[in-house]
N, C-alpha and C. Protein backbone atom coordinates (compact mmCIF):
# COMPACT_ATOMS: atom_id res chain seq x y z
N MET A 1 0.85 -1.17 0.00
CA MET A 1 0.00 0.00 0.00
C MET A 1 0.89 1.24 0.00
N ASN A 2 0.62 2.17 -0.93
CA ASN A 2 1.45 3.37 -0.98
C ASN A 2 1.09 4.30 0.18
N ARG A 3 1.89 5.33 0.32
CA ARG A 3 1.76 6.23 1.47
C ARG A 3 0.39 6.90 1.53
N GLU A 4 -0.06 7.42 0.40
CA GLU A 4 -1.37 8.10 0.37
C GLU A 4 -2.51 7.14 0.70
N ALA A 5 -2.44 5.93 0.17
CA ALA A 5 -3.48 4.94 0.45
C ALA A 5 -3.46 4.56 1.93
N ALA A 6 -2.26 4.45 2.50
CA ALA A 6 -2.14 4.10 3.92
C ALA A 6 -2.75 5.20 4.79
N ILE A 7 -2.51 6.45 4.41
CA ILE A 7 -3.08 7.57 5.17
C ILE A 7 -4.60 7.54 5.08
N LYS A 8 -5.12 7.38 3.88
CA LYS A 8 -6.57 7.35 3.67
C LYS A 8 -7.21 6.18 4.43
N HIS A 9 -6.51 5.05 4.47
CA HIS A 9 -7.01 3.86 5.15
C HIS A 9 -6.99 4.02 6.67
N SER A 10 -5.96 4.67 7.20
CA SER A 10 -5.78 4.78 8.65
C SER A 10 -6.48 5.98 9.27
N ALA A 11 -6.74 7.02 8.52
CA ALA A 11 -7.31 8.25 9.07
C ALA A 11 -8.61 8.02 9.84
N PRO A 12 -9.57 7.22 9.33
CA PRO A 12 -10.80 7.01 10.10
C PRO A 12 -10.56 6.36 11.46
N VAL A 13 -9.55 5.50 11.54
CA VAL A 13 -9.22 4.85 12.81
C VAL A 13 -8.75 5.89 13.82
N PHE A 14 -7.83 6.75 13.39
CA PHE A 14 -7.31 7.77 14.30
C PHE A 14 -8.38 8.78 14.67
N ALA A 15 -9.24 9.11 13.73
CA ALA A 15 -10.35 10.03 14.03
C ALA A 15 -11.28 9.42 15.08
N ALA A 16 -11.59 8.15 14.93
CA ALA A 16 -12.47 7.47 15.89
C ALA A 16 -11.82 7.38 17.27
N LEU A 17 -10.52 7.14 17.30
CA LEU A 17 -9.82 7.01 18.57
C LEU A 17 -9.52 8.36 19.22
N GLY A 18 -9.78 9.44 18.49
CA GLY A 18 -9.52 10.78 19.02
C GLY A 18 -10.48 11.21 20.12
N ASP A 19 -11.54 10.46 20.31
CA ASP A 19 -12.50 10.76 21.37
C ASP A 19 -12.14 9.95 22.61
N GLU A 20 -12.13 10.59 23.76
CA GLU A 20 -11.72 9.93 25.01
C GLU A 20 -12.59 8.72 25.35
N THR A 21 -13.89 8.84 25.18
CA THR A 21 -14.78 7.72 25.50
C THR A 21 -14.52 6.54 24.57
N ARG A 22 -14.37 6.81 23.28
CA ARG A 22 -14.10 5.72 22.34
C ARG A 22 -12.74 5.08 22.62
N PHE A 23 -11.77 5.91 22.96
CA PHE A 23 -10.44 5.38 23.30
C PHE A 23 -10.54 4.46 24.52
N ARG A 24 -11.34 4.86 25.51
CA ARG A 24 -11.54 4.01 26.70
C ARG A 24 -12.21 2.69 26.34
N ILE A 25 -13.20 2.75 25.44
CA ILE A 25 -13.88 1.52 25.02
C ILE A 25 -12.88 0.57 24.35
N VAL A 26 -12.08 1.10 23.46
CA VAL A 26 -11.08 0.27 22.77
C VAL A 26 -10.08 -0.29 23.77
N SER A 27 -9.65 0.53 24.70
CA SER A 27 -8.72 0.06 25.74
C SER A 27 -9.34 -1.07 26.56
N GLN A 28 -10.61 -0.90 26.94
CA GLN A 28 -11.29 -1.92 27.73
C GLN A 28 -11.44 -3.22 26.93
N LEU A 29 -11.83 -3.11 25.67
CA LEU A 29 -11.96 -4.32 24.86
C LEU A 29 -10.61 -5.01 24.65
N GLY A 30 -9.56 -4.21 24.53
CA GLY A 30 -8.21 -4.79 24.39
C GLY A 30 -7.75 -5.47 25.66
N ARG A 31 -8.11 -4.91 26.78
CA ARG A 31 -7.69 -5.46 28.08
C ARG A 31 -8.54 -6.65 28.50
N ASP A 32 -9.88 -6.51 28.37
CA ASP A 32 -10.80 -7.52 28.91
C ASP A 32 -11.38 -8.47 27.88
N GLY A 33 -11.20 -8.16 26.61
CA GLY A 33 -11.78 -9.01 25.56
C GLY A 33 -13.20 -8.59 25.23
N PRO A 34 -13.87 -9.37 24.39
CA PRO A 34 -15.22 -9.02 23.93
C PRO A 34 -16.16 -8.74 25.11
N ALA A 35 -17.08 -7.76 24.87
CA ALA A 35 -17.99 -7.36 25.94
C ALA A 35 -19.30 -6.85 25.36
N SER A 36 -20.34 -7.00 26.16
CA SER A 36 -21.65 -6.45 25.82
C SER A 36 -21.69 -4.98 26.21
N ILE A 37 -22.70 -4.28 25.74
CA ILE A 37 -22.86 -2.88 26.11
C ILE A 37 -23.06 -2.77 27.62
N THR A 38 -23.78 -3.71 28.20
CA THR A 38 -23.98 -3.71 29.66
C THR A 38 -22.64 -3.73 30.38
N ARG A 39 -21.76 -4.60 29.94
CA ARG A 39 -20.44 -4.70 30.57
C ARG A 39 -19.59 -3.46 30.29
N LEU A 40 -19.74 -2.89 29.10
CA LEU A 40 -18.96 -1.70 28.76
C LEU A 40 -19.40 -0.47 29.55
N THR A 41 -20.66 -0.44 29.98
CA THR A 41 -21.15 0.71 30.75
C THR A 41 -21.02 0.53 32.26
N ALA A 42 -20.73 -0.68 32.70
CA ALA A 42 -20.61 -0.94 34.14
C ALA A 42 -19.55 -0.04 34.77
N GLY A 43 -19.94 0.63 35.85
CA GLY A 43 -19.01 1.48 36.58
C GLY A 43 -18.71 2.80 35.87
N SER A 44 -19.47 3.12 34.86
CA SER A 44 -19.24 4.33 34.08
C SER A 44 -20.43 5.27 34.22
N SER A 45 -20.19 6.53 34.05
CA SER A 45 -21.28 7.50 34.08
C SER A 45 -21.88 7.70 32.68
N VAL A 46 -21.32 7.01 31.69
CA VAL A 46 -21.80 7.11 30.32
C VAL A 46 -22.99 6.18 30.13
N THR A 47 -24.04 6.67 29.50
CA THR A 47 -25.26 5.88 29.30
C THR A 47 -25.06 4.80 28.25
N ARG A 48 -25.95 3.83 28.29
CA ARG A 48 -25.93 2.76 27.28
C ARG A 48 -26.13 3.35 25.89
N GLN A 49 -27.02 4.32 25.78
CA GLN A 49 -27.28 4.95 24.49
C GLN A 49 -26.02 5.63 23.95
N ALA A 50 -25.30 6.33 24.82
CA ALA A 50 -24.07 7.01 24.40
C ALA A 50 -23.01 5.99 23.99
N ILE A 51 -22.86 4.92 24.78
CA ILE A 51 -21.89 3.87 24.44
C ILE A 51 -22.24 3.26 23.08
N THR A 52 -23.52 3.04 22.83
CA THR A 52 -23.96 2.48 21.55
C THR A 52 -23.56 3.40 20.40
N LYS A 53 -23.75 4.70 20.57
CA LYS A 53 -23.35 5.65 19.53
C LYS A 53 -21.85 5.61 19.29
N HIS A 54 -21.07 5.55 20.35
CA HIS A 54 -19.62 5.48 20.22
C HIS A 54 -19.19 4.17 19.54
N LEU A 55 -19.85 3.09 19.88
CA LEU A 55 -19.53 1.82 19.25
C LEU A 55 -19.83 1.86 17.75
N ARG A 56 -20.88 2.54 17.36
CA ARG A 56 -21.22 2.67 15.93
C ARG A 56 -20.13 3.45 15.19
N VAL A 57 -19.61 4.50 15.81
CA VAL A 57 -18.51 5.26 15.20
C VAL A 57 -17.29 4.36 15.04
N LEU A 58 -16.97 3.61 16.08
CA LEU A 58 -15.83 2.68 16.02
C LEU A 58 -16.06 1.60 14.96
N GLU A 59 -17.29 1.13 14.87
CA GLU A 59 -17.61 0.11 13.87
C GLU A 59 -17.48 0.69 12.46
N ASP A 60 -17.95 1.90 12.24
CA ASP A 60 -17.83 2.54 10.93
C ASP A 60 -16.37 2.73 10.52
N ALA A 61 -15.50 2.94 11.51
CA ALA A 61 -14.07 3.09 11.25
C ALA A 61 -13.37 1.74 11.11
N GLY A 62 -14.10 0.65 11.36
CA GLY A 62 -13.52 -0.68 11.24
C GLY A 62 -12.73 -1.14 12.45
N VAL A 63 -12.89 -0.45 13.57
CA VAL A 63 -12.11 -0.76 14.77
C VAL A 63 -12.75 -1.88 15.59
N VAL A 64 -14.08 -1.95 15.59
CA VAL A 64 -14.79 -3.00 16.33
C VAL A 64 -15.84 -3.63 15.44
N ARG A 65 -16.33 -4.78 15.89
CA ARG A 65 -17.46 -5.43 15.23
C ARG A 65 -18.29 -6.10 16.31
N SER A 66 -19.55 -6.34 15.97
CA SER A 66 -20.43 -6.98 16.95
C SER A 66 -20.92 -8.31 16.43
N LYS A 67 -21.30 -9.14 17.39
CA LYS A 67 -21.86 -10.46 17.09
C LYS A 67 -23.02 -10.66 18.06
N ARG A 68 -24.13 -11.12 17.55
CA ARG A 68 -25.29 -11.37 18.41
C ARG A 68 -25.06 -12.64 19.21
N CYS A 69 -25.31 -12.54 20.50
CA CYS A 69 -25.27 -13.69 21.41
C CYS A 69 -26.57 -13.63 22.21
N GLY A 70 -27.55 -14.39 21.76
CA GLY A 70 -28.85 -14.33 22.42
C GLY A 70 -29.49 -12.98 22.18
N ARG A 71 -29.84 -12.30 23.26
CA ARG A 71 -30.50 -10.99 23.16
C ARG A 71 -29.53 -9.83 23.11
N GLU A 72 -28.26 -10.10 23.34
CA GLU A 72 -27.26 -9.03 23.40
C GLU A 72 -26.30 -9.10 22.22
N SER A 73 -25.72 -7.96 21.94
CA SER A 73 -24.60 -7.90 20.99
C SER A 73 -23.32 -7.88 21.80
N VAL A 74 -22.37 -8.65 21.37
CA VAL A 74 -21.06 -8.66 22.01
C VAL A 74 -20.09 -7.98 21.04
N TRP A 75 -19.35 -7.03 21.56
CA TRP A 75 -18.44 -6.23 20.76
C TRP A 75 -17.01 -6.68 20.97
N GLN A 76 -16.26 -6.69 19.88
CA GLN A 76 -14.85 -7.07 19.97
C GLN A 76 -14.02 -6.23 19.01
N LEU A 77 -12.74 -6.17 19.28
CA LEU A 77 -11.84 -5.39 18.45
C LEU A 77 -11.60 -6.08 17.11
N GLU A 78 -11.39 -5.27 16.11
CA GLU A 78 -10.91 -5.73 14.81
C GLU A 78 -9.40 -5.51 14.82
N ARG A 79 -8.70 -6.49 15.31
CA ARG A 79 -7.26 -6.33 15.52
C ARG A 79 -6.49 -6.00 14.25
N ARG A 80 -6.91 -6.56 13.13
CA ARG A 80 -6.19 -6.30 11.88
C ARG A 80 -6.22 -4.81 11.54
N ARG A 81 -7.36 -4.19 11.73
CA ARG A 81 -7.48 -2.76 11.43
C ARG A 81 -6.59 -1.93 12.34
N LEU A 82 -6.53 -2.30 13.60
CA LEU A 82 -5.66 -1.60 14.54
C LEU A 82 -4.19 -1.85 14.23
N GLU A 83 -3.87 -3.06 13.79
CA GLU A 83 -2.49 -3.36 13.41
C GLU A 83 -2.07 -2.56 12.19
N ASP A 84 -2.98 -2.38 11.24
CA ASP A 84 -2.68 -1.55 10.07
C ASP A 84 -2.36 -0.12 10.50
N ALA A 85 -3.15 0.42 11.42
CA ALA A 85 -2.92 1.78 11.92
C ALA A 85 -1.59 1.85 12.67
N ARG A 86 -1.29 0.81 13.44
CA ARG A 86 0.00 0.78 14.17
C ARG A 86 1.17 0.79 13.20
N ARG A 87 1.06 0.02 12.12
CA ARG A 87 2.14 0.01 11.12
C ARG A 87 2.33 1.40 10.51
N HIS A 88 1.23 2.10 10.30
CA HIS A 88 1.34 3.45 9.77
C HIS A 88 2.06 4.36 10.77
N LEU A 89 1.72 4.24 12.05
CA LEU A 89 2.42 5.03 13.08
C LEU A 89 3.90 4.66 13.15
N ASP A 90 4.21 3.38 12.99
CA ASP A 90 5.61 2.95 12.99
C ASP A 90 6.38 3.59 11.83
N ALA A 91 5.75 3.67 10.66
CA ALA A 91 6.39 4.29 9.50
C ALA A 91 6.65 5.77 9.77
N ILE A 92 5.68 6.44 10.37
CA ILE A 92 5.86 7.86 10.72
C ILE A 92 7.00 8.01 11.73
N SER A 93 7.07 7.11 12.69
CA SER A 93 8.13 7.15 13.70
C SER A 93 9.50 6.98 13.05
N ARG A 94 9.60 6.04 12.11
CA ARG A 94 10.88 5.84 11.41
C ARG A 94 11.27 7.09 10.62
N GLN A 95 10.29 7.74 9.99
CA GLN A 95 10.58 8.97 9.24
C GLN A 95 11.06 10.07 10.18
N LEU A 96 10.44 10.16 11.33
CA LEU A 96 10.85 11.17 12.31
C LEU A 96 12.27 10.87 12.81
N ASP A 97 12.56 9.62 13.11
CA ASP A 97 13.90 9.24 13.55
C ASP A 97 14.94 9.61 12.50
N SER A 98 14.61 9.36 11.24
CA SER A 98 15.52 9.68 10.15
C SER A 98 15.75 11.18 10.04
N ALA A 99 14.67 11.95 10.16
CA ALA A 99 14.79 13.41 10.08
C ALA A 99 15.62 13.95 11.25
N LEU A 100 15.42 13.40 12.44
CA LEU A 100 16.20 13.83 13.60
C LEU A 100 17.67 13.48 13.45
N GLU A 101 17.96 12.34 12.86
CA GLU A 101 19.35 11.94 12.62
C GLU A 101 20.01 12.88 11.62
N ARG A 102 19.27 13.25 10.57
CA ARG A 102 19.81 14.21 9.59
C ARG A 102 20.07 15.56 10.25
N LEU A 103 19.16 16.00 11.12
CA LEU A 103 19.34 17.25 11.83
C LEU A 103 20.55 17.19 12.75
N ARG A 104 20.71 16.07 13.46
CA ARG A 104 21.86 15.90 14.36
C ARG A 104 23.16 16.01 13.57
N LYS A 105 23.25 15.33 12.43
CA LYS A 105 24.46 15.37 11.61
C LYS A 105 24.72 16.78 11.10
N PHE A 106 23.66 17.48 10.70
CA PHE A 106 23.82 18.84 10.21
C PHE A 106 24.35 19.75 11.30
N VAL A 107 23.82 19.64 12.50
CA VAL A 107 24.23 20.50 13.61
C VAL A 107 25.67 20.20 14.02
N GLU A 108 26.06 18.94 13.96
CA GLU A 108 27.41 18.55 14.37
C GLU A 108 28.47 18.94 13.36
N GLU A 109 28.07 19.18 12.11
CA GLU A 109 29.06 19.53 11.07
C GLU A 109 29.47 20.95 11.10
């Protein structure tokens, strides 16, 4: 995937994760594994309706998916999508390291 395609592919993930509540949901799913909305709202001041809206944004970005289990939906991370975004961040980090090394050499000369 070329650089522009990688940016276009990863941007929705970063936009979705830019919200604190959505970031917490992703962190919780990563830590605890798949969960229902009931479990995701436990101990939180965020309503079930609000969590549902946040999950839809994450789902639209490809970060999570749901599966029906009886009367509830269980939500889980789409690890491949997150790994793609991580690879993009790694590429940016390598570019930054390279630029800093060039700057260091320039300053030392």
